[in-house]
Amino acid sequence: MCGLGVLTAIVGLVVGVVGLLKGGNRGQAITGIVLSGLTVVLGIVGFVLFVTNFQECFNLPSQAEAQQCVEQKLGVTPQSP
């Protein structure tokens, strides 16, 4: 469900703009637009940070190597079963 927040924020932007243009509750419409815009911006920043930090892990040949790369970057030590 990753990314669902950004999708709902885009819908929130559209609904807020429509509400503002139709002359509904102006305060709620502006609040919705601001919060939805903030969510979209934070989602984009988070995605960019994720890609820049873990880009080299994406090109490894196996899932196990990619997982080990991510764990090393996060400073996680895997526990043995």
PDB file of N, CA and C in Angstrom:
ATOM      1  N   MET A   1       0.828  -1.190   0.000  1.00  0.00           N
ATOM      2  CA  MET A   1       0.000   0.000   0.000  1.00  0.00           C
ATOM      3  C   MET A   1       0.875   1.256   0.000  1.00  0.00           C
ATOM      4  N   CYS A   2       2.159   1.093  -0.219  1.00  0.00           N
ATOM      5  CA  CYS A   2       3.064   2.235  -0.246  1.00  0.00           C
ATOM      6  C   CYS A   2       2.672   3.195  -1.372  1.00  0.00           C
ATOM      7  N   GLY A   3       2.628   4.436  -1.098  1.00  0.00           N
ATOM      8  CA  GLY A   3       2.251   5.423  -2.088  1.00  0.00           C
ATOM      9  C   GLY A   3       0.780   5.778  -2.069  1.00  0.00           C
ATOM     10  N   LEU A   4      -0.014   5.053  -1.302  1.00  0.00           N
ATOM     11  CA  LEU A   4      -1.449   5.326  -1.245  1.00  0.00           C
ATOM     12  C   LEU A   4      -1.717   6.713  -0.665  1.00  0.00           C
ATOM     13  N   GLY A   5      -0.900   7.149   0.247  1.00  0.00           N
ATOM     14  CA  GLY A   5      -1.069   8.482   0.834  1.00  0.00           C
ATOM     15  C   GLY A   5      -0.900   9.585  -0.191  1.00  0.00           C
ATOM     16  N   VAL A   6       0.045   9.415  -1.110  1.00  0.00           N
ATOM     17  CA  VAL A   6       0.262  10.423  -2.147  1.00  0.00           C
ATOM     18  C   VAL A   6      -0.927  10.439  -3.109  1.00  0.00           C
ATOM     19  N   LEU A   7      -1.443   9.261  -3.437  1.00  0.00           N
ATOM     20  CA  LEU A   7      -2.602   9.209  -4.329  1.00  0.00           C
ATOM     21  C   LEU A   7      -3.814   9.880  -3.696  1.00  0.00           C
ATOM     22  N   THR A   8      -4.056   9.617  -2.427  1.00  0.00           N
ATOM     23  CA  THR A   8      -5.193  10.262  -1.767  1.00  0.00           C
ATOM     24  C   THR A   8      -4.955  11.759  -1.591  1.00  0.00           C
ATOM     25  N   ALA A   9      -3.696  12.171  -1.467  1.00  0.00           N
ATOM     26  CA  ALA A   9      -3.395  13.603  -1.374  1.00  0.00           C
ATOM     27  C   ALA A   9      -3.693  14.307  -2.687  1.00  0.00           C
ATOM     28  N   ILE A  10      -3.418  13.645  -3.791  1.00  0.00           N
ATOM     29  CA  ILE A  10      -3.742  14.228  -5.101  1.00  0.00           C
ATOM     30  C   ILE A  10      -5.255  14.390  -5.236  1.00  0.00           C
ATOM     31  N   VAL A  11      -5.986  13.374  -4.816  1.00  0.00           N
ATOM     32  CA  VAL A  11      -7.453  13.468  -4.826  1.00  0.00           C
ATOM     33  C   VAL A  11      -7.897  14.606  -3.902  1.00  0.00           C
ATOM     34  N   GLY A  12      -7.258  14.737  -2.760  1.00  0.00           N
ATOM     35  CA  GLY A  12      -7.575  15.810  -1.824  1.00  0.00           C
ATOM     36  C   GLY A  12      -7.324  17.187  -2.413  1.00  0.00           C
ATOM     37  N   LEU A  13      -6.252  17.316  -3.193  1.00  0.00           N
ATOM     38  CA  LEU A  13      -5.984  18.587  -3.878  1.00  0.00           C
ATOM     39  C   LEU A  13      -7.115  18.931  -4.838  1.00  0.00           C
ATOM     40  N   VAL A  14      -7.530  17.946  -5.626  1.00  0.00           N
ATOM     41  CA  VAL A  14      -8.591  18.170  -6.604  1.00  0.00           C
ATOM     42  C   VAL A  14      -9.892  18.550  -5.899  1.00  0.00           C
ATOM     43  N   VAL A  15     -10.251  17.801  -4.859  1.00  0.00           N
ATOM     44  CA  VAL A  15     -11.493  18.079  -4.126  1.00  0.00           C
ATOM     45  C   VAL A  15     -11.422  19.451  -3.456  1.00  0.00           C
ATOM     46  N   GLY A  16     -10.269  19.807  -2.917  1.00  0.00           N
ATOM     47  CA  GLY A  16     -10.119  21.122  -2.285  1.00  0.00           C
ATOM     48  C   GLY A  16     -10.274  22.254  -3.278  1.00  0.00           C
ATOM     49  N   VAL A  17      -9.687  22.114  -4.454  1.00  0.00           N
ATOM     50  CA  VAL A  17      -9.806  23.148  -5.486  1.00  0.00           C
ATOM     51  C   VAL A  17     -11.252  23.259  -5.957  1.00  0.00           C
ATOM     52  N   VAL A  18     -11.904  22.111  -6.181  1.00  0.00           N
ATOM     53  CA  VAL A  18     -13.307  22.133  -6.597  1.00  0.00           C
ATOM     54  C   VAL A  18     -14.165  22.793  -5.519  1.00  0.00           C
ATOM     55  N   GLY A  19     -13.937  22.462  -4.268  1.00  0.00           N
ATOM     56  CA  GLY A  19     -14.682  23.074  -3.173  1.00  0.00           C
ATOM     57  C   GLY A  19     -14.458  24.569  -3.089  1.00  0.00           C
ATOM     58  N   LEU A  20     -13.237  25.009  -3.352  1.00  0.00           N
ATOM     59  CA  LEU A  20     -12.923  26.430  -3.325  1.00  0.00           C
ATOM     60  C   LEU A  20     -13.618  27.160  -4.467  1.00  0.00           C
ATOM     61  N   LEU A  21     -13.619  26.547  -5.649  1.00  0.00           N
ATOM     62  CA  LEU A  21     -14.240  27.181  -6.811  1.00  0.00           C
ATOM     63  C   LEU A  21     -15.762  27.207  -6.728  1.00  0.00           C
ATOM     64  N   LYS A  22     -16.358  26.217  -6.084  1.00  0.00           N
ATOM     65  CA  LYS A  22     -17.818  26.166  -5.972  1.00  0.00           C
ATOM     66  C   LYS A  22     -18.338  27.038  -4.838  1.00  0.00           C
ATOM     67  N   GLY A  23     -17.460  27.617  -4.073  1.00  0.00           N
ATOM     68  CA  GLY A  23     -17.890  28.532  -3.022  1.00  0.00           C
ATOM     69  C   GLY A  23     -18.366  27.845  -1.757  1.00  0.00           C
ATOM     70  N   GLY A  24     -17.858  26.669  -1.492  1.00  0.00           N
ATOM     71  CA  GLY A  24     -18.215  25.965  -0.263  1.00  0.00           C
ATOM     72  C   GLY A  24     -17.521  26.607   0.926  1.00  0.00           C
ATOM     73  N   ASN A  25     -17.281  25.834   1.950  1.00  0.00           N
ATOM     74  CA  ASN A  25     -16.580  26.330   3.133  1.00  0.00           C
ATOM     75  C   ASN A  25     -15.135  26.640   2.756  1.00  0.00           C
ATOM     76  N   ARG A  26     -14.827  27.913   2.625  1.00  0.00           N
ATOM     77  CA  ARG A  26     -13.517  28.363   2.139  1.00  0.00           C
ATOM     78  C   ARG A  26     -12.374  27.905   3.052  1.00  0.00           C
ATOM     79  N   GLY A  27     -12.570  27.958   4.361  1.00  0.00           N
ATOM     80  CA  GLY A  27     -11.520  27.565   5.300  1.00  0.00           C
ATOM     81  C   GLY A  27     -11.167  26.094   5.187  1.00  0.00           C
ATOM     82  N   GLN A  28     -12.174  25.234   5.084  1.00  0.00           N
ATOM     83  CA  GLN A  28     -11.917  23.797   4.935  1.00  0.00           C
ATOM     84  C   GLN A  28     -11.242  23.493   3.604  1.00  0.00           C
ATOM     85  N   ALA A  29     -11.664  24.183   2.550  1.00  0.00           N
ATOM     86  CA  ALA A  29     -11.072  23.950   1.233  1.00  0.00           C
ATOM     87  C   ALA A  29      -9.594  24.330   1.227  1.00  0.00           C
ATOM     88  N   ILE A  30      -9.275  25.467   1.803  1.00  0.00           N
ATOM     89  CA  ILE A  30      -7.874  25.915   1.844  1.00  0.00           C
ATOM     90  C   ILE A  30      -7.039  24.985   2.714  1.00  0.00           C
ATOM     91  N   THR A  31      -7.592  24.563   3.843  1.00  0.00           N
ATOM     92  CA  THR A  31      -6.878  23.622   4.714  1.00  0.00           C
ATOM     93  C   THR A  31      -6.611  22.306   3.992  1.00  0.00           C
ATOM     94  N   GLY A  32      -7.602  21.815   3.267  1.00  0.00           N
ATOM     95  CA  GLY A  32      -7.423  20.581   2.498  1.00  0.00           C
ATOM     96  C   GLY A  32      -6.366  20.716   1.429  1.00  0.00           C
ATOM     97  N   ILE A  33      -6.364  21.845   0.738  1.00  0.00           N
ATOM     98  CA  ILE A  33      -5.362  22.079  -0.310  1.00  0.00           C
ATOM     99  C   ILE A  33      -3.961  22.138   0.287  1.00  0.00           C
ATOM    100  N   VAL A  34      -3.811  22.869   1.390  1.00  0.00           N
ATOM    101  CA  VAL A  34      -2.490  23.012   2.022  1.00  0.00           C
ATOM    102  C   VAL A  34      -1.980  21.664   2.530  1.00  0.00           C
ATOM    103  N   LEU A  35      -2.815  20.926   3.244  1.00  0.00           N
ATOM    104  CA  LEU A  35      -2.373  19.642   3.794  1.00  0.00           C
ATOM    105  C   LEU A  35      -2.111  18.610   2.693  1.00  0.00           C
ATOM    106  N   SER A  36      -2.939  18.607   1.667  1.00  0.00           N
ATOM    107  CA  SER A  36      -2.718  17.672   0.560  1.00  0.00           C
ATOM    108  C   SER A  36      -1.445  18.029  -0.195  1.00  0.00           C
ATOM    109  N   GLY A  37      -1.220  19.319  -0.404  1.00  0.00           N
ATOM    110  CA  GLY A  37       0.009  19.752  -1.069  1.00  0.00           C
ATOM    111  C   GLY A  37       1.244  19.384  -0.261  1.00  0.00           C
ATOM    112  N   LEU A  38       1.173  19.554   1.042  1.00  0.00           N
ATOM    113  CA  LEU A  38       2.281  19.184   1.921  1.00  0.00           C
ATOM    114  C   LEU A  38       2.552  17.675   1.858  1.00  0.00           C
ATOM    115  N   THR A  39       1.488  16.884   1.820  1.00  0.00           N
ATOM    116  CA  THR A  39       1.649  15.431   1.732  1.00  0.00           C
ATOM    117  C   THR A  39       2.306  15.030   0.417  1.00  0.00           C
ATOM    118  N   VAL A  40       1.908  15.664  -0.683  1.00  0.00           N
ATOM    119  CA  VAL A  40       2.515  15.354  -1.981  1.00  0.00           C
ATOM    120  C   VAL A  40       4.002  15.717  -1.959  1.00  0.00           C
ATOM    121  N   VAL A  41       4.334  16.886  -1.442  1.00  0.00           N
ATOM    122  CA  VAL A  41       5.736  17.317  -1.384  1.00  0.00           C
ATOM    123  C   VAL A  41       6.552  16.368  -0.511  1.00  0.00           C
ATOM    124  N   LEU A  42       6.042  16.007   0.663  1.00  0.00           N
ATOM    125  CA  LEU A  42       6.768  15.082   1.544  1.00  0.00           C
ATOM    126  C   LEU A  42       6.923  13.705   0.896  1.00  0.00           C
ATOM    127  N   GLY A  43       5.912  13.257   0.169  1.00  0.00           N
ATOM    128  CA  GLY A  43       6.004  11.978  -0.537  1.00  0.00           C
ATOM    129  C   GLY A  43       7.091  11.995  -1.602  1.00  0.00           C
ATOM    130  N   ILE A  44       7.171  13.088  -2.348  1.00  0.00           N
ATOM    131  CA  ILE A  44       8.198  13.208  -3.386  1.00  0.00           C
ATOM    132  C   ILE A  44       9.588  13.263  -2.762  1.00  0.00           C
ATOM    133  N   VAL A  45       9.735  14.041  -1.689  1.00  0.00           N
ATOM    134  CA  VAL A  45      11.032  14.138  -1.006  1.00  0.00           C
ATOM    135  C   VAL A  45      11.440  12.772  -0.452  1.00  0.00           C
ATOM    136  N   GLY A  46      10.509  12.062   0.165  1.00  0.00           N
ATOM    137  CA  GLY A  46      10.812  10.732   0.691  1.00  0.00           C
ATOM    138  C   GLY A  46      11.230   9.761  -0.395  1.00  0.00           C
ATOM    139  N   PHE A  47      10.538   9.804  -1.529  1.00  0.00           N
ATOM    140  CA  PHE A  47      10.884   8.924  -2.646  1.00  0.00           C
ATOM    141  C   PHE A  47      12.276   9.236  -3.176  1.00  0.00           C
ATOM    142  N   VAL A  48      12.580  10.514  -3.335  1.00  0.00           N
ATOM    143  CA  VAL A  48      13.903  10.912  -3.839  1.00  0.00           C
ATOM    144  C   VAL A  48      14.995  10.486  -2.864  1.00  0.00           C
ATOM    145  N   LEU A  49      14.770  10.684  -1.567  1.00  0.00           N
ATOM    146  CA  LEU A  49      15.766  10.256  -0.574  1.00  0.00           C
ATOM    147  C   LEU A  49      15.961   8.743  -0.596  1.00  0.00           C
ATOM    148  N   PHE A  50      14.868   7.996  -0.721  1.00  0.00           N
ATOM    149  CA  PHE A  50      14.957   6.543  -0.776  1.00  0.00           C
ATOM    150  C   PHE A  50      15.769   6.092  -1.985  1.00  0.00           C
ATOM    151  N   VAL A  51      15.466   6.650  -3.142  1.00  0.00           N
ATOM    152  CA  VAL A  51      16.164   6.241  -4.372  1.00  0.00           C
ATOM    153  C   VAL A  51      17.638   6.617  -4.312  1.00  0.00           C
ATOM    154  N   THR A  52      17.956   7.820  -3.833  1.00  0.00           N
ATOM    155  CA  THR A  52      19.360   8.220  -3.796  1.00  0.00           C
ATOM    156  C   THR A  52      20.162   7.398  -2.788  1.00  0.00           C
ATOM    157  N   ASN A  53      19.546   6.992  -1.679  1.00  0.00           N
ATOM    158  CA  ASN A  53      20.272   6.226  -0.665  1.00  0.00           C
ATOM    159  C   ASN A  53      20.427   4.750  -1.012  1.00  0.00           C
ATOM    160  N   PHE A  54      19.474   4.181  -1.741  1.00  0.00           N
ATOM    161  CA  PHE A  54      19.487   2.741  -1.983  1.00  0.00           C
ATOM    162  C   PHE A  54      19.634   2.372  -3.456  1.00  0.00           C
ATOM    163  N   GLN A  55      20.023   3.313  -4.305  1.00  0.00           N
ATOM    164  CA  GLN A  55      20.100   3.075  -5.742  1.00  0.00           C
ATOM    165  C   GLN A  55      21.058   1.939  -6.097  1.00  0.00           C
ATOM    166  N   GLU A  56      22.190   1.860  -5.435  1.00  0.00           N
ATOM    167  CA  GLU A  56      23.152   0.808  -5.762  1.00  0.00           C
ATOM    168  C   GLU A  56      22.646  -0.584  -5.371  1.00  0.00           C
ATOM    169  N   CYS A  57      21.729  -0.647  -4.422  1.00  0.00           N
ATOM    170  CA  CYS A  57      21.173  -1.941  -4.008  1.00  0.00           C
ATOM    171  C   CYS A  57      20.196  -2.493  -5.047  1.00  0.00           C
ATOM    172  N   PHE A  58      19.603  -1.623  -5.863  1.00  0.00           N
ATOM    173  CA  PHE A  58      18.607  -2.052  -6.842  1.00  0.00           C
ATOM    174  C   PHE A  58      19.213  -2.866  -7.980  1.00  0.00           C
ATOM    175  N   ASN A  59      20.490  -2.687  -8.263  1.00  0.00           N
ATOM    176  CA  ASN A  59      21.117  -3.317  -9.424  1.00  0.00           C
ATOM    177  C   ASN A  59      21.858  -4.612  -9.096  1.00  0.00           C
ATOM    178  N   LEU A  60      21.728  -5.107  -7.896  1.00  0.00           N
ATOM    179  CA  LEU A  60      22.407  -6.346  -7.523  1.00  0.00           C
ATOM    180  C   LEU A  60      21.671  -7.542  -8.127  1.00  0.00           C
ATOM    181  N   PRO A  61      22.419  -8.609  -8.447  1.00  0.00           N
ATOM    182  CA  PRO A  61      21.832  -9.719  -9.200  1.00  0.00           C
ATOM    183  C   PRO A  61      20.789 -10.560  -8.460  1.00  0.00           C
ATOM    184  N   SER A  62      20.836 -10.618  -7.137  1.00  0.00           N
ATOM    185  CA  SER A  62      19.876 -11.484  -6.439  1.00  0.00           C
ATOM    186  C   SER A  62      19.159 -10.705  -5.339  1.00  0.00           C
ATOM    187  N   GLN A  63      18.009 -11.225  -4.967  1.00  0.00           N
ATOM    188  CA  GLN A  63      17.203 -10.614  -3.898  1.00  0.00           C
ATOM    189  C   GLN A  63      17.964 -10.630  -2.578  1.00  0.00           C
ATOM    190  N   ALA A  64      18.678 -11.724  -2.315  1.00  0.00           N
ATOM    191  CA  ALA A  64      19.411 -11.844  -1.054  1.00  0.00           C
ATOM    192  C   ALA A  64      20.509 -10.787  -0.958  1.00  0.00           C
ATOM    193  N   GLU A  65      21.218 -10.556  -2.064  1.00  0.00           N
ATOM    194  CA  GLU A  65      22.265  -9.536  -2.057  1.00  0.00           C
ATOM    195  C   GLU A  65      21.672  -8.134  -1.898  1.00  0.00           C
ATOM    196  N   ALA A  66      20.541  -7.895  -2.537  1.00  0.00           N
ATOM    197  CA  ALA A  66      19.887  -6.595  -2.416  1.00  0.00           C
ATOM    198  C   ALA A  66      19.421  -6.366  -0.980  1.00  0.00           C
ATOM    199  N   GLN A  67      18.856  -7.395  -0.364  1.00  0.00           N
ATOM    200  CA  GLN A  67      18.399  -7.272   1.020  1.00  0.00           C
ATOM    201  C   GLN A  67      19.579  -7.015   1.952  1.00  0.00           C
ATOM    202  N   GLN A  68      20.682  -7.716   1.727  1.00  0.00           N
ATOM    203  CA  GLN A  68      21.867  -7.527   2.552  1.00  0.00           C
ATOM    204  C   GLN A  68      22.410  -6.103   2.388  1.00  0.00           C
ATOM    205  N   CYS A  69      22.381  -5.574   1.169  1.00  0.00           N
ATOM    206  CA  CYS A  69      22.832  -4.207   0.909  1.00  0.00           C
ATOM    207  C   CYS A  69      21.973  -3.208   1.671  1.00  0.00           C
ATOM    208  N   VAL A  70      20.660  -3.370   1.621  1.00  0.00           N
ATOM    209  CA  VAL A  70      19.742  -2.469   2.325  1.00  0.00           C
ATOM    210  C   VAL A  70      19.967  -2.560   3.833  1.00  0.00           C
ATOM    211  N   GLU A  71      20.131  -3.772   4.346  1.00  0.00           N
ATOM    212  CA  GLU A  71      20.366  -3.945   5.781  1.00  0.00           C
ATOM    213  C   GLU A  71      21.658  -3.266   6.212  1.00  0.00           C
ATOM    214  N   GLN A  72      22.705  -3.366   5.381  1.00  0.00           N
ATOM    215  CA  GLN A  72      23.967  -2.713   5.717  1.00  0.00           C
ATOM    216  C   GLN A  72      23.803  -1.197   5.726  1.00  0.00           C
ATOM    217  N   LYS A  73      23.070  -0.668   4.763  1.00  0.00           N
ATOM    218  CA  LYS A  73      22.883   0.783   4.707  1.00  0.00           C
ATOM    219  C   LYS A  73      22.051   1.294   5.886  1.00  0.00           C
ATOM    220  N   LEU A  74      21.114   0.476   6.359  1.00  0.00           N
ATOM    221  CA  LEU A  74      20.285   0.862   7.494  1.00  0.00           C
ATOM    222  C   LEU A  74      20.954   0.573   8.830  1.00  0.00           C
ATOM    223  N   GLY A  75      22.055  -0.171   8.808  1.00  0.00           N
ATOM    224  CA  GLY A  75      22.764  -0.508  10.030  1.00  0.00           C
ATOM    225  C   GLY A  75      22.080  -1.599  10.827  1.00  0.00           C
ATOM    226  N   VAL A  76      21.333  -2.446  10.131  1.00  0.00           N
ATOM    227  CA  VAL A  76      20.606  -3.540  10.780  1.00  0.00           C
ATOM    228  C   VAL A  76      21.460  -4.801  10.718  1.00  0.00           C
ATOM    229  N   THR A  77      21.561  -5.491  11.837  1.00  0.00           N
ATOM    230  CA  THR A  77      22.241  -6.778  11.825  1.00  0.00           C
ATOM    231  C   THR A  77      21.193  -7.884  11.806  1.00  0.00           C
ATOM    232  N   PRO A  78      21.206  -8.738  10.785  1.00  0.00           N
ATOM    233  CA  PRO A  78      20.189  -9.793  10.698  1.00  0.00           C
ATOM    234  C   PRO A  78      20.333 -10.799  11.846  1.00  0.00           C
ATOM    235  N   GLN A  79      19.211 -11.261  12.353  1.00  0.00           N
ATOM    236  CA  GLN A  79      19.219 -12.250  13.409  1.00  0.00           C
ATOM    237  C   GLN A  79      19.097 -13.630  12.803  1.00  0.00           C
ATOM    238  N   SER A  80      19.842 -14.576  13.344  1.00  0.00           N
ATOM    239  CA  SER A  80      19.753 -15.953  12.820  1.00  0.00           C
ATOM    240  C   SER A  80      18.513 -16.614  13.390  1.00  0.00           C
ATOM    241  N   PRO A  81      17.849 -17.484  12.575  1.00  0.00           N
ATOM    242  CA  PRO A  81      16.623 -18.136  13.048  1.00  0.00           C
ATOM    243  C   PRO A  81      16.838 -19.121  14.155  1.00  0.00           C
TER     244      PRO A  81
END
